[in-house]
N, C-alpha and C. Protein backbone atom coordinates (compact mmCIF):
# COMPACT_ATOMS: atom_id res chain seq x y z
N MET A 1 45.19 43.82 10.06
CA MET A 1 45.13 42.71 9.05
C MET A 1 44.90 43.50 7.70
N LEU A 2 44.55 42.84 6.55
CA LEU A 2 44.46 43.32 5.41
C LEU A 2 43.18 44.28 5.10
N ARG A 3 43.29 45.41 4.55
CA ARG A 3 42.22 45.99 4.35
C ARG A 3 41.40 45.92 3.15
N THR A 4 40.09 45.42 3.40
CA THR A 4 39.67 44.59 2.19
C THR A 4 39.24 45.53 1.05
N ARG A 5 39.03 46.94 1.33
CA ARG A 5 38.90 47.50 -0.05
C ARG A 5 39.91 47.71 -1.02
N ARG A 6 41.11 47.33 -0.48
CA ARG A 6 42.15 47.04 -1.28
C ARG A 6 42.83 45.82 -1.72
N ALA A 7 42.15 44.86 -0.93
CA ALA A 7 42.43 43.51 -1.44
C ALA A 7 41.76 43.02 -2.65
N GLU A 8 42.69 42.21 -3.50
CA GLU A 8 42.30 42.04 -4.45
C GLU A 8 42.14 40.67 -4.79
N PRO A 9 41.79 39.74 -5.72
CA PRO A 9 41.58 38.46 -5.93
C PRO A 9 42.92 37.45 -6.04
N ASP A 10 43.80 38.49 -6.82
CA ASP A 10 45.36 38.04 -6.94
C ASP A 10 46.06 37.78 -5.36
N LEU A 11 45.65 38.91 -4.57
CA LEU A 11 46.57 38.44 -3.24
C LEU A 11 45.86 37.73 -2.46
N ALA A 12 44.24 37.11 -2.70
CA ALA A 12 43.69 36.33 -1.94
C ALA A 12 44.16 34.87 -2.42
N LEU A 13 44.27 34.97 -3.64
CA LEU A 13 44.56 33.82 -4.37
C LEU A 13 46.16 33.29 -3.83
N GLY A 14 47.08 34.16 -3.74
CA GLY A 14 48.31 33.98 -3.42
C GLY A 14 48.53 33.61 -1.73
N LEU A 15 47.39 34.00 -0.83
CA LEU A 15 47.43 33.79 0.38
C LEU A 15 46.91 32.24 0.54
N ALA A 16 45.95 31.85 -0.34
CA ALA A 16 45.42 30.40 -0.55
C ALA A 16 46.58 29.59 -1.08
N LEU A 17 47.31 29.77 -1.90
CA LEU A 17 48.17 29.14 -2.04
C LEU A 17 49.38 28.91 -1.23
N CYS A 18 49.47 30.08 -0.47
CA CYS A 18 50.41 30.03 0.73
C CYS A 18 50.00 29.13 1.53
N ALA A 19 48.92 29.02 2.08
CA ALA A 19 48.27 28.38 2.93
C ALA A 19 48.17 26.84 2.61
N LEU A 20 48.14 26.51 1.28
CA LEU A 20 48.17 24.90 0.99
C LEU A 20 49.71 24.61 1.15
N VAL A 21 50.39 25.33 0.89
CA VAL A 21 51.93 24.96 0.89
C VAL A 21 52.44 24.70 2.41
N LEU A 22 51.67 25.58 3.42
CA LEU A 22 52.17 25.49 4.73
C LEU A 22 51.34 24.40 5.38
N PHE A 23 49.99 24.18 4.67
CA PHE A 23 49.14 23.08 4.98
C PHE A 23 50.12 21.55 4.90
N ALA A 24 50.69 21.62 3.69
CA ALA A 24 51.49 20.39 3.13
C ALA A 24 52.59 20.04 4.15
N VAL A 25 53.39 21.27 4.42
CA VAL A 25 54.50 21.16 4.90
C VAL A 25 53.91 20.64 6.63
N ALA A 26 52.96 21.29 7.28
CA ALA A 26 52.36 20.81 8.37
C ALA A 26 52.18 19.64 8.81
N ASN A 27 51.60 18.80 7.68
CA ASN A 27 51.24 17.50 7.96
C ASN A 27 52.16 16.65 7.44
N ALA A 28 53.38 16.93 6.63
CA ALA A 28 54.30 15.95 6.34
C ALA A 28 55.45 15.97 7.34
N TYR A 29 55.55 16.66 8.15
CA TYR A 29 56.57 16.91 8.98
C TYR A 29 56.24 16.59 10.68
N PRO A 30 57.15 16.20 11.69
CA PRO A 30 56.47 15.96 12.91
C PRO A 30 56.17 17.48 13.56
N LEU A 31 55.22 17.40 14.29
CA LEU A 31 55.24 18.51 15.22
C LEU A 31 56.06 18.63 16.19
N ALA A 32 56.41 17.39 17.01
CA ALA A 32 57.69 17.65 18.15
C ALA A 32 57.92 15.85 18.07
N THR A 33 59.40 15.86 18.64
CA THR A 33 59.86 14.52 18.79
C THR A 33 60.16 14.45 20.32
N LEU A 34 59.58 13.41 20.77
CA LEU A 34 59.68 13.05 22.46
C LEU A 34 61.07 12.04 22.29
N ALA A 35 61.95 12.40 23.14
CA ALA A 35 63.02 11.85 23.57
C ALA A 35 62.96 11.35 25.05
N ALA A 36 62.74 9.94 25.23
CA ALA A 36 62.83 9.54 26.58
C ALA A 36 63.50 8.14 26.45
N ASN A 37 64.26 7.60 27.64
CA ASN A 37 64.84 6.56 27.77
C ASN A 37 65.59 5.89 26.53
N GLY A 38 66.14 6.69 25.89
CA GLY A 38 67.10 6.52 24.56
C GLY A 38 66.10 6.16 23.27
N THR A 39 64.89 6.42 23.53
CA THR A 39 64.23 6.22 22.06
C THR A 39 63.47 7.72 21.99
N MET A 40 63.48 8.08 20.77
CA MET A 40 62.80 9.28 19.93
C MET A 40 61.76 9.06 19.19
N ARG A 41 60.69 9.65 19.58
CA ARG A 41 59.06 9.12 18.68
C ARG A 41 58.66 10.44 18.08
N PRO A 42 58.64 10.47 16.77
CA PRO A 42 58.15 11.83 16.22
C PRO A 42 56.43 11.48 16.22
N ALA A 43 56.26 12.72 16.40
CA ALA A 43 54.43 13.02 16.64
C ALA A 43 54.14 13.93 15.50
N THR A 44 53.32 13.20 14.77
CA THR A 44 52.38 14.04 13.70
C THR A 44 51.17 14.10 13.93
N LEU A 45 50.29 14.85 13.27
CA LEU A 45 48.71 15.16 13.60
C LEU A 45 48.20 13.97 13.11
N ALA A 46 48.38 13.59 11.89
CA ALA A 46 47.93 12.20 11.53
C ALA A 46 48.04 11.18 12.56
N GLY A 47 49.32 10.81 12.76
CA GLY A 47 49.84 9.76 13.68
C GLY A 47 48.89 10.14 15.35
N ALA A 48 48.89 11.43 15.68
CA ALA A 48 47.99 11.54 16.81
C ALA A 48 46.63 11.14 16.85
N SER A 49 46.16 11.55 15.80
CA SER A 49 44.63 10.96 15.36
C SER A 49 44.55 9.45 15.31
N LEU A 50 45.50 8.70 14.62
CA LEU A 50 45.58 7.34 14.49
C LEU A 50 45.68 6.59 15.82
N ALA A 51 46.59 7.18 16.81
CA ALA A 51 46.75 6.64 18.29
C ALA A 51 45.55 6.99 19.00
N LEU A 52 44.83 7.73 18.72
CA LEU A 52 43.60 8.13 19.62
C LEU A 52 42.60 6.82 19.08
N TYR A 53 42.70 6.69 17.76
CA TYR A 53 41.52 5.52 17.17
C TYR A 53 42.00 4.38 17.77
N HIS A 54 43.17 4.10 17.75
CA HIS A 54 43.95 2.55 18.27
C HIS A 54 43.78 2.34 19.62
N ASN A 55 43.67 3.50 20.44
CA ASN A 55 43.62 3.45 21.88
C ASN A 55 42.10 3.52 22.24
N GLY A 56 41.20 3.30 21.55
CA GLY A 56 39.62 3.19 22.05
C GLY A 56 39.10 4.70 22.16
N TYR A 57 39.47 5.54 21.28
CA TYR A 57 38.80 6.99 21.20
C TYR A 57 38.28 7.29 19.62
N PRO A 58 37.64 6.52 19.18
CA PRO A 58 37.36 6.67 17.69
C PRO A 58 36.61 8.08 17.57
N THR A 59 35.91 8.22 18.40
CA THR A 59 34.83 9.73 17.97
C THR A 59 36.07 10.99 18.23
N ILE A 60 37.00 10.81 19.26
CA ILE A 60 37.81 12.03 19.27
C ILE A 60 38.53 12.23 18.23
N ALA A 61 39.05 10.50 17.82
CA ALA A 61 40.07 10.68 16.64
C ALA A 61 39.48 11.60 15.44
N LEU A 62 38.09 10.98 15.21
CA LEU A 62 37.50 11.34 13.90
C LEU A 62 37.48 12.96 14.06
N LEU A 63 36.99 13.72 15.35
CA LEU A 63 36.88 14.83 15.60
C LEU A 63 38.33 15.80 15.18
N VAL A 64 39.19 15.08 15.68
CA VAL A 64 40.64 15.72 15.49
C VAL A 64 40.77 15.61 14.19
N ALA A 65 40.86 14.67 13.43
CA ALA A 65 41.01 14.65 11.98
C ALA A 65 40.42 15.78 11.15
N PHE A 66 38.93 15.60 11.49
CA PHE A 66 38.14 16.36 10.88
C PHE A 66 38.30 17.97 10.88
N THR A 67 38.49 18.45 12.21
CA THR A 67 38.68 19.54 12.49
C THR A 67 40.09 20.27 12.31
N THR A 68 41.26 19.53 12.22
CA THR A 68 42.36 20.15 11.85
C THR A 68 43.09 19.37 10.51
N ILE A 69 42.60 18.50 9.99
CA ILE A 69 43.05 18.12 8.32
C ILE A 69 42.10 18.18 7.60
N LEU A 70 40.86 17.62 7.54
CA LEU A 70 39.98 17.67 6.51
C LEU A 70 39.38 19.12 6.21
N VAL A 71 38.46 19.74 7.36
CA VAL A 71 38.00 20.92 7.25
C VAL A 71 39.11 22.04 6.49
N PRO A 72 40.24 22.04 7.39
CA PRO A 72 41.19 23.24 6.70
C PRO A 72 41.51 22.92 5.26
N LEU A 73 41.92 21.64 5.01
CA LEU A 73 42.16 21.33 3.42
C LEU A 73 40.91 21.54 2.73
N ALA A 74 39.97 21.25 3.01
CA ALA A 74 38.69 21.79 2.14
C ALA A 74 38.63 23.35 2.00
N GLN A 75 38.57 23.77 3.18
CA GLN A 75 38.49 25.47 2.92
C GLN A 75 39.62 25.97 2.04
N ILE A 76 40.76 25.50 2.09
CA ILE A 76 41.94 26.07 1.19
C ILE A 76 41.56 25.67 -0.28
N LEU A 77 41.20 24.60 -0.21
CA LEU A 77 41.19 24.14 -1.96
C LEU A 77 39.82 24.79 -2.40
N GLY A 78 38.73 25.10 -1.37
CA GLY A 78 37.55 26.01 -1.70
C GLY A 78 38.06 27.17 -2.35
N PHE A 79 38.77 27.78 -1.48
CA PHE A 79 39.24 29.38 -1.90
C PHE A 79 39.98 29.23 -3.12
N ILE A 80 40.91 28.45 -3.33
CA ILE A 80 41.69 28.20 -4.49
C ILE A 80 40.89 27.88 -5.81
N GLY A 81 39.90 27.15 -5.74
CA GLY A 81 39.04 26.87 -6.75
C GLY A 81 38.11 28.25 -6.98
N VAL A 82 37.80 28.92 -6.07
CA VAL A 82 36.77 30.02 -6.32
C VAL A 82 37.32 31.07 -6.75
N LEU A 83 38.65 31.38 -6.19
CA LEU A 83 39.56 32.43 -6.71
C LEU A 83 40.13 32.38 -8.05
N GLY A 84 40.41 30.89 -8.47
CA GLY A 84 40.93 30.87 -9.67
C GLY A 84 40.12 30.89 -10.88
N THR A 85 39.09 30.33 -10.46
CA THR A 85 37.79 30.32 -11.43
C THR A 85 37.50 32.06 -11.70
N LEU A 86 37.43 32.97 -10.27
CA LEU A 86 36.91 34.12 -10.75
C LEU A 86 38.13 34.87 -11.76
N LEU A 87 39.36 34.79 -11.26
CA LEU A 87 40.54 35.37 -11.97
C LEU A 87 40.63 34.63 -13.45
N HIS A 88 40.07 33.47 -13.68
CA HIS A 88 40.27 33.16 -15.05
C HIS A 88 39.05 33.84 -16.07
N ALA A 89 37.90 33.90 -15.25
CA ALA A 89 36.86 34.72 -15.82
C ALA A 89 37.26 36.14 -16.00
N ARG A 90 37.84 36.70 -15.16
CA ARG A 90 38.27 38.07 -15.34
C ARG A 90 39.34 38.39 -16.46
N ARG A 91 40.38 37.32 -16.72
CA ARG A 91 41.30 37.78 -17.48
C ARG A 91 40.60 37.37 -19.08
N ARG A 92 39.49 36.45 -19.17
CA ARG A 92 38.98 36.57 -20.54
C ARG A 92 37.74 37.28 -20.57
N ARG A 93 37.96 38.49 -19.53
CA ARG A 93 36.91 39.39 -19.68
C ARG A 93 35.56 39.10 -19.89
N ARG A 94 35.16 38.02 -18.90
CA ARG A 94 33.49 37.68 -18.93
C ARG A 94 33.27 37.71 -17.38
N ARG A 95 31.95 37.52 -17.10
CA ARG A 95 31.62 37.29 -15.90
C ARG A 95 31.66 35.74 -15.36
N ALA A 96 31.91 35.83 -13.96
CA ALA A 96 32.10 34.29 -13.19
C ALA A 96 31.04 33.59 -13.56
N PRO A 97 31.34 32.36 -13.50
CA PRO A 97 29.88 31.34 -13.86
C PRO A 97 28.95 31.22 -12.45
N ALA A 98 27.75 31.03 -12.71
CA ALA A 98 26.97 30.95 -11.68
C ALA A 98 27.26 30.05 -10.64
N ALA A 99 27.76 28.91 -11.29
CA ALA A 99 28.12 27.83 -10.29
C ALA A 99 29.07 28.14 -9.19
N LEU A 100 29.80 29.28 -9.64
CA LEU A 100 30.75 29.86 -8.63
C LEU A 100 30.13 30.34 -7.37
N LEU A 101 28.53 30.74 -7.70
CA LEU A 101 28.13 31.32 -6.12
C LEU A 101 27.81 30.04 -5.21
N ALA A 102 27.59 29.01 -5.77
CA ALA A 102 27.33 27.79 -4.78
C ALA A 102 28.62 27.45 -3.86
N HIS A 103 29.84 27.42 -4.51
CA HIS A 103 31.03 27.17 -4.05
C HIS A 103 30.98 28.42 -2.70
N ILE A 104 30.93 29.58 -3.15
CA ILE A 104 31.07 30.48 -2.27
C ILE A 104 30.19 30.39 -1.01
N ARG A 105 29.02 30.05 -1.12
CA ARG A 105 28.01 29.49 -0.05
C ARG A 105 28.54 28.66 0.85
N LEU A 106 29.26 27.61 0.04
CA LEU A 106 30.00 26.49 1.24
C LEU A 106 31.14 27.05 2.01
N LEU A 107 31.78 27.93 1.64
CA LEU A 107 33.01 28.31 2.24
C LEU A 107 32.70 28.97 3.62
N GLY A 108 31.63 29.74 3.64
CA GLY A 108 31.25 30.17 5.04
C GLY A 108 30.80 29.46 6.08
N PRO A 109 30.18 28.40 6.02
CA PRO A 109 29.95 27.36 6.95
C PRO A 109 31.01 26.56 7.42
N LEU A 110 32.19 26.53 6.47
CA LEU A 110 33.25 25.71 7.13
C LEU A 110 34.36 26.61 8.10
N ARG A 111 34.15 27.79 8.35
CA ARG A 111 34.80 28.62 9.06
C ARG A 111 34.87 28.34 10.51
N PRO A 112 34.01 28.15 11.05
CA PRO A 112 33.70 27.60 12.44
C PRO A 112 34.35 26.39 12.72
N TRP A 113 34.55 25.61 11.71
CA TRP A 113 34.81 24.26 12.00
C TRP A 113 36.49 23.89 11.89
N THR A 114 37.11 24.93 11.49
CA THR A 114 38.61 25.31 11.34
C THR A 114 39.17 25.30 12.67
N MET A 115 39.76 24.63 13.46
CA MET A 115 40.23 24.65 14.74
C MET A 115 41.77 24.64 14.80
N ILE A 116 42.43 25.18 13.84
CA ILE A 116 43.72 25.29 13.80
C ILE A 116 44.43 25.77 15.19
N GLU A 117 43.48 27.02 15.50
CA GLU A 117 44.26 27.99 16.71
C GLU A 117 43.76 27.15 17.89
N VAL A 118 42.73 26.24 18.09
CA VAL A 118 42.73 25.70 19.23
C VAL A 118 43.61 24.57 19.40
N PHE A 119 43.78 24.09 18.27
CA PHE A 119 44.79 22.97 18.15
C PHE A 119 46.10 23.13 18.67
N LEU A 120 46.55 24.35 17.95
CA LEU A 120 47.81 25.02 18.27
C LEU A 120 48.15 25.34 19.68
N LEU A 121 47.24 25.81 20.27
CA LEU A 121 46.98 26.14 21.50
C LEU A 121 47.21 24.99 22.57
N GLY A 122 46.50 23.78 22.14
CA GLY A 122 46.45 22.75 23.05
C GLY A 122 47.88 21.87 22.82
N ALA A 123 48.17 21.89 21.62
CA ALA A 123 49.53 21.55 21.34
C ALA A 123 50.60 22.05 22.41
N LEU A 124 50.63 23.57 22.23
CA LEU A 124 51.75 24.12 23.02
C LEU A 124 51.56 23.48 24.57
N VAL A 125 50.39 23.74 25.02
CA VAL A 125 50.13 23.24 26.34
C VAL A 125 50.80 22.09 26.71
N ALA A 126 50.36 21.09 25.65
CA ALA A 126 50.61 19.55 25.82
C ALA A 126 52.18 19.40 25.76
N LEU A 127 52.42 20.06 25.16
CA LEU A 127 54.27 19.85 24.93
C LEU A 127 54.95 20.37 26.09
N SER A 128 54.52 21.55 26.62
CA SER A 128 55.14 22.21 27.72
C SER A 128 54.74 21.21 28.99
N LYS A 129 53.78 20.56 29.23
CA LYS A 129 53.59 19.70 30.17
C LYS A 129 54.31 18.35 30.06
N LEU A 130 54.47 17.94 28.96
CA LEU A 130 55.25 16.67 28.60
C LEU A 130 56.83 17.10 28.91
N SER A 131 57.03 18.13 28.93
CA SER A 131 58.79 18.46 28.89
C SER A 131 59.23 18.19 30.18
N SER A 132 58.27 18.14 31.22
CA SER A 132 58.97 17.67 32.40
C SER A 132 59.14 16.15 32.72
N MET A 133 58.40 15.18 31.48
CA MET A 133 58.57 13.72 31.77
C MET A 133 59.75 13.34 30.47
N ALA A 134 59.68 14.27 29.59
CA ALA A 134 60.62 13.78 28.29
C ALA A 134 61.29 14.76 27.94
N GLN A 135 62.05 14.63 27.13
CA GLN A 135 62.82 16.04 26.22
C GLN A 135 62.05 16.06 25.04
N VAL A 136 61.49 17.13 25.00
CA VAL A 136 60.50 17.75 23.65
C VAL A 136 61.27 18.43 22.73
N ILE A 137 61.47 18.05 21.43
CA ILE A 137 62.11 18.91 20.50
C ILE A 137 61.07 19.13 19.65
N PRO A 138 60.91 20.41 19.45
CA PRO A 138 59.94 20.90 18.49
C PRO A 138 60.10 20.66 17.16
N GLY A 139 59.10 20.53 16.34
CA GLY A 139 59.40 20.02 14.79
C GLY A 139 58.85 21.39 14.21
N GLY A 140 59.28 21.07 12.62
CA GLY A 140 58.99 22.11 11.66
C GLY A 140 57.58 22.43 11.47
N ALA A 141 56.84 21.10 11.92
CA ALA A 141 55.34 21.43 11.65
C ALA A 141 54.78 22.33 12.58
N LEU A 142 55.37 22.54 13.78
CA LEU A 142 54.65 23.41 14.66
C LEU A 142 54.71 24.92 14.17
N LEU A 143 55.70 25.10 13.61
CA LEU A 143 56.07 26.57 13.25
C LEU A 143 54.82 26.72 11.90
N ALA A 144 54.93 25.59 10.92
CA ALA A 144 54.08 25.87 9.77
C ALA A 144 52.69 25.92 10.36
N TYR A 145 52.31 25.18 11.21
CA TYR A 145 50.90 25.38 11.79
C TYR A 145 50.68 26.68 12.22
N GLY A 146 51.76 27.14 12.85
CA GLY A 146 51.52 28.56 13.44
C GLY A 146 51.37 29.64 12.24
N LEU A 147 52.13 29.45 11.11
CA LEU A 147 52.17 30.27 9.88
C LEU A 147 50.76 30.17 9.03
N LEU A 148 50.23 28.83 9.42
CA LEU A 148 49.17 28.52 8.44
C LEU A 148 47.88 29.18 9.26
N MET A 149 47.85 29.48 10.63
CA MET A 149 46.91 29.92 11.31
C MET A 149 46.80 31.54 10.96
N LEU A 150 48.06 32.02 10.86
CA LEU A 150 47.92 33.38 10.58
C LEU A 150 47.88 33.66 8.65
N THR A 151 48.14 32.78 8.13
CA THR A 151 47.85 33.05 6.89
C THR A 151 46.13 32.78 6.48
N LEU A 152 45.57 31.84 7.27
CA LEU A 152 44.18 31.46 7.32
C LEU A 152 43.45 32.91 7.52
N ALA A 153 43.98 33.50 8.61
CA ALA A 153 43.31 34.50 9.11
C ALA A 153 43.44 35.64 8.40
N ALA A 154 44.55 35.93 7.50
CA ALA A 154 44.80 36.87 6.70
C ALA A 154 43.76 36.68 5.30
N LEU A 155 43.56 35.26 5.09
CA LEU A 155 42.80 35.01 3.90
C LEU A 155 41.16 35.31 4.05
N TRP A 156 40.79 35.02 5.21
CA TRP A 156 39.59 35.30 5.66
C TRP A 156 39.27 36.98 5.91
N SER A 157 40.45 37.47 6.16
CA SER A 157 40.28 38.95 6.31
C SER A 157 40.31 39.57 4.92
N ALA A 158 41.02 39.15 3.86
CA ALA A 158 40.97 39.76 2.62
C ALA A 158 39.81 39.29 1.80
N THR A 159 39.13 38.29 2.10
CA THR A 159 37.82 38.00 1.38
C THR A 159 36.85 37.57 2.39
N PRO A 160 36.39 38.65 3.14
CA PRO A 160 35.11 38.47 3.72
C PRO A 160 33.81 38.03 2.70
N GLY A 161 32.63 37.53 2.91
CA GLY A 161 31.70 37.21 2.33
C GLY A 161 31.35 38.17 1.14
N GLU A 162 31.32 39.74 1.75
CA GLU A 162 30.65 40.82 0.87
C GLU A 162 31.89 41.12 -0.12
N GLN A 163 33.24 40.57 -0.01
CA GLN A 163 34.39 41.33 -0.81
C GLN A 163 34.01 40.13 -1.84
N LEU A 164 33.92 38.72 -1.81
CA LEU A 164 33.87 37.94 -2.87
C LEU A 164 32.80 38.41 -3.66
N TRP A 165 31.63 38.53 -3.04
CA TRP A 165 30.55 38.82 -4.12
C TRP A 165 30.77 40.36 -4.81
N HIS A 166 31.43 41.05 -4.32
CA HIS A 166 31.56 42.32 -5.09
C HIS A 166 32.77 42.04 -5.98
N TRP A 167 33.62 41.22 -5.71
CA TRP A 167 34.57 40.71 -7.18
C TRP A 167 33.89 39.95 -8.26
N ILE A 168 32.88 39.34 -7.77
CA ILE A 168 32.08 38.68 -8.86
C ILE A 168 30.92 39.54 -9.41
N GLU A 169 30.30 40.37 -8.78
CA GLU A 169 29.51 41.43 -9.42
C GLU A 169 30.17 42.38 -10.38
N ARG A 170 31.26 42.87 -9.89
CA ARG A 170 32.06 43.73 -10.80
C ARG A 170 32.34 43.09 -12.07
N PRO A 171 31.98 44.11 -13.10
CA PRO A 171 32.24 43.67 -14.53
C PRO A 171 33.72 43.54 -14.63
N PRO A 172 33.83 42.72 -15.72
CA PRO A 172 35.55 42.54 -15.78
C PRO A 172 36.07 43.91 -16.47
N ALA A 173 37.65 44.31 -16.25
CA ALA A 173 37.88 45.60 -16.71
C ALA A 173 38.33 45.08 -17.82
């Protein structure tokens, strides 16, 4: 992964913006399309969550939406906000605002709730099991989720908590 001593806020912000684009692609396109009996049904993550809700599993639907859509989006937007504010303060040769510290404290507890890795593994297993009953055509969102998982791992590697504090405490050049 990335070495945190050499990582700079510009790199971390680039990774966060890349994660936002991948997140948008992963949620805009189908994960897979199932073809059976002459019908083709695209499956999206939001659609799967809604299907769980309509089939009598509201708790599971909420958990799926929370861990695979809401938390990753909040995490990505949080990183963009923190890093954008930090870089803006540095370019103006000022210290980062104190309010930024509260936002950084919120990013840490979100990490365990991001279940993209678990979701991706479960999706691959489910698609392989479904392939015996119907034709499964992988969608672009499946690749986007895989790349999103790697991008978020690189982002967390580039910005561990102590690195963010170091960037904030370091006086502007």
